[in-house]
Protein backbone atom coordinates (compact mmCIF):
# COMPACT_ATOMS: atom_id res chain seq x y z
CA UNK A 1 -28.61 47.90 -47.85
CA UNK A 2 -30.06 45.11 -45.80
CA UNK A 3 -31.55 47.57 -43.32
CA UNK A 4 -33.49 49.58 -45.90
CA UNK A 5 -34.43 46.73 -48.23
CA UNK A 6 -36.00 44.23 -45.84
CA UNK A 7 -32.88 42.07 -45.63
CA UNK A 8 -32.34 41.84 -49.39
CA UNK A 9 -29.34 43.17 -51.33
CA UNK A 10 -29.68 46.51 -53.10
CA UNK A 11 -29.17 46.45 -56.88
CA UNK A 12 -28.06 49.59 -58.72
CA UNK A 13 -26.06 50.81 -61.70
CA UNK A 14 -22.63 51.91 -60.59
CA UNK A 15 -21.52 55.44 -61.43
CA UNK A 16 -24.83 57.02 -62.50
CA UNK A 17 -25.88 58.62 -59.22
CA UNK A 18 -28.29 55.96 -57.96
CA UNK A 19 -26.35 55.92 -54.68
CA UNK A 20 -24.23 58.56 -52.97
CA UNK A 21 -21.00 59.51 -54.73
CA UNK A 22 -18.87 57.95 -51.98
CA UNK A 23 -20.40 54.51 -52.61
CA UNK A 24 -19.95 54.86 -56.36
CA UNK A 25 -16.26 55.56 -55.77
CA UNK A 26 -15.80 52.95 -53.03
CA UNK A 27 -17.25 50.13 -55.14
CA UNK A 28 -15.20 50.75 -58.28
CA UNK A 29 -13.13 47.69 -59.22
CA UNK A 30 -14.77 45.44 -56.63
CA UNK A 31 -15.08 41.76 -57.51
CA UNK A 32 -18.04 39.50 -56.70
CA UNK A 33 -17.61 38.12 -53.18
CA UNK A 34 -15.32 40.96 -52.11
CA UNK A 35 -16.03 42.81 -48.85
CA UNK A 36 -14.94 46.34 -47.95
CA UNK A 37 -15.36 48.65 -45.01
CA UNK A 38 -15.51 52.24 -46.24
CA UNK A 39 -15.61 55.60 -44.51
CA UNK A 40 -17.34 58.26 -46.57
CA UNK A 41 -16.88 61.95 -45.72
CA UNK A 42 -19.89 64.30 -45.79
CA UNK A 43 -18.74 65.84 -49.08
CA UNK A 44 -19.23 62.45 -50.80
CA UNK A 45 -22.43 61.62 -48.90
CA UNK A 46 -25.27 63.98 -47.89
CA UNK A 47 -23.21 67.05 -47.05
CA UNK A 48 -24.59 69.99 -45.12
CA UNK A 49 -28.23 69.13 -45.74
CA UNK A 50 -28.22 65.62 -44.25
CA UNK A 51 -30.89 63.12 -45.30
CA UNK A 52 -34.36 61.82 -44.42
CA UNK A 53 -35.50 64.40 -41.86
CA UNK A 54 -32.72 63.87 -39.38
CA UNK A 55 -32.03 60.16 -39.88
CA UNK A 56 -28.66 61.22 -41.25
CA UNK A 57 -27.68 64.55 -39.71
CA UNK A 58 -25.88 67.34 -41.58
CA UNK A 59 -22.13 66.85 -42.09
CA UNK A 60 -22.28 63.16 -41.13
CA UNK A 61 -19.40 60.83 -41.93
CA UNK A 62 -20.84 57.48 -43.01
CA UNK A 63 -19.34 54.04 -42.43
CA UNK A 64 -20.42 51.10 -44.60
CA UNK A 65 -19.56 47.45 -44.66
CA UNK A 66 -20.06 46.38 -48.27
CA UNK A 67 -20.22 42.95 -49.81
CA UNK A 68 -20.56 42.70 -53.57
CA UNK A 69 -22.69 39.70 -54.48
CA UNK A 70 -22.81 39.96 -58.27
CA UNK A 71 -22.07 42.14 -61.28
CA UNK A 72 -24.42 42.11 -64.26
CA UNK A 73 -23.79 43.58 -67.67
CA UNK A 74 -25.71 46.74 -68.42
CA UNK A 75 -27.74 47.56 -71.52
CA UNK A 76 -24.72 49.17 -73.19
CA UNK A 77 -22.47 46.13 -72.91
CA UNK A 78 -20.70 44.37 -75.77
CA UNK A 79 -22.83 41.31 -75.00
CA UNK A 80 -26.08 43.27 -75.39
CA UNK A 81 -24.86 44.79 -78.68
CA UNK A 82 -23.96 41.35 -80.04
CA UNK A 83 -27.34 39.97 -78.96
CA UNK A 84 -29.15 42.66 -80.96
CA UNK A 85 -26.75 42.41 -83.96
CA UNK A 86 -28.34 39.27 -85.47
CA UNK A 87 -26.31 39.38 -88.71
CA UNK A 88 -23.02 40.10 -86.89
CA UNK A 89 -22.11 43.01 -89.17
CA UNK A 90 -21.09 45.20 -86.21
CA UNK A 91 -23.90 47.66 -86.76
CA UNK A 92 -27.52 47.70 -85.68
CA UNK A 93 -30.19 48.14 -88.33
CA UNK A 94 -33.69 49.43 -87.77
CA UNK A 95 -34.99 45.89 -88.34
CA UNK A 96 -32.62 44.41 -85.70
CA UNK A 97 -33.56 46.99 -83.09
CA UNK A 98 -37.25 46.67 -83.95
CA UNK A 99 -37.08 42.91 -83.41
CA UNK A 100 -35.20 43.42 -80.13
CA UNK A 101 -37.88 45.86 -78.91
CA UNK A 102 -40.64 43.37 -79.80
CA UNK A 103 -38.85 40.65 -77.81
CA UNK A 104 -38.37 42.96 -74.82
CA UNK A 105 -42.01 44.09 -74.93
CA UNK A 106 -43.15 40.46 -75.04
CA UNK A 107 -40.86 39.60 -72.14
CA UNK A 108 -42.22 42.28 -69.80
CA UNK A 109 -45.83 41.46 -70.71
CA UNK A 110 -47.15 45.04 -70.44
CA UNK A 111 -49.94 46.12 -72.78
CA UNK A 112 -48.82 48.91 -75.11
CA UNK A 113 -50.42 50.76 -77.97
CA UNK A 114 -48.68 49.72 -81.24
CA UNK A 115 -47.54 53.32 -81.81
CA UNK A 116 -45.29 53.08 -78.73
CA UNK A 117 -42.97 50.67 -80.57
CA UNK A 118 -42.56 53.07 -83.50
CA UNK A 119 -42.02 56.06 -81.21
CA UNK A 120 -39.32 54.28 -79.21
CA UNK A 121 -37.60 53.00 -82.36
CA UNK A 122 -37.56 56.52 -83.86
CA UNK A 123 -36.23 57.95 -80.60
CA UNK A 124 -33.43 55.37 -80.43
CA UNK A 125 -32.22 56.32 -83.91
CA UNK A 126 -32.64 60.04 -83.27
CA UNK A 127 -30.46 59.84 -80.15
CA UNK A 128 -27.91 57.24 -81.30
CA UNK A 129 -27.46 57.35 -85.10
CA UNK A 130 -25.07 60.30 -84.92
CA UNK A 131 -23.83 60.05 -88.51
CA UNK A 132 -27.37 59.57 -89.93
CA UNK A 133 -26.48 56.49 -91.98
CA UNK A 134 -29.50 54.48 -90.77
CA UNK A 135 -27.40 52.18 -88.59
CA UNK A 136 -26.09 52.36 -85.03
CA UNK A 137 -22.43 51.39 -84.90
CA UNK A 138 -20.71 49.96 -81.84
CA UNK A 139 -19.20 53.41 -81.25
CA UNK A 140 -22.60 55.13 -81.53
CA UNK A 141 -24.10 52.47 -79.26
CA UNK A 142 -21.41 53.44 -76.77
CA UNK A 143 -20.04 49.93 -76.27
CA UNK A 144 -16.52 51.23 -75.77
CA UNK A 145 -17.12 54.35 -73.66
CA UNK A 146 -19.06 52.70 -70.80
CA UNK A 147 -20.91 55.79 -69.61
CA UNK A 148 -22.84 53.64 -67.14
CA UNK A 149 -19.68 52.91 -65.15
């Protein structure tokens, strides 16, 4: 939104509720450079409660002119999986994910206690190694289900 973001485009992950449901739906299958004018009913916008203390009144129908500038791959993309999978065996080991975390921590430059790395690594395996084999497969990584879309 150029009006709410000081003239700059708004970046968000499609389909995870970062914007109103009507925009998530309206932007599905858009291509970079494409423009759309969309009319979003209250049920897919802010409904009976409205938004921002009267800036958008209750039961408002919203009209947007959208231009999609770019699409970037999310963290659960095939490309991200392949980047982490250094030995190309189609599964992520603790060592591969540990190295990836170290690279990401170095990239963002934030100071962290060393225990944070171990806690995050343990949490990743707890939440993603569903079969408990010590590896995260492409299926467990969710490459093919695309929950972020």
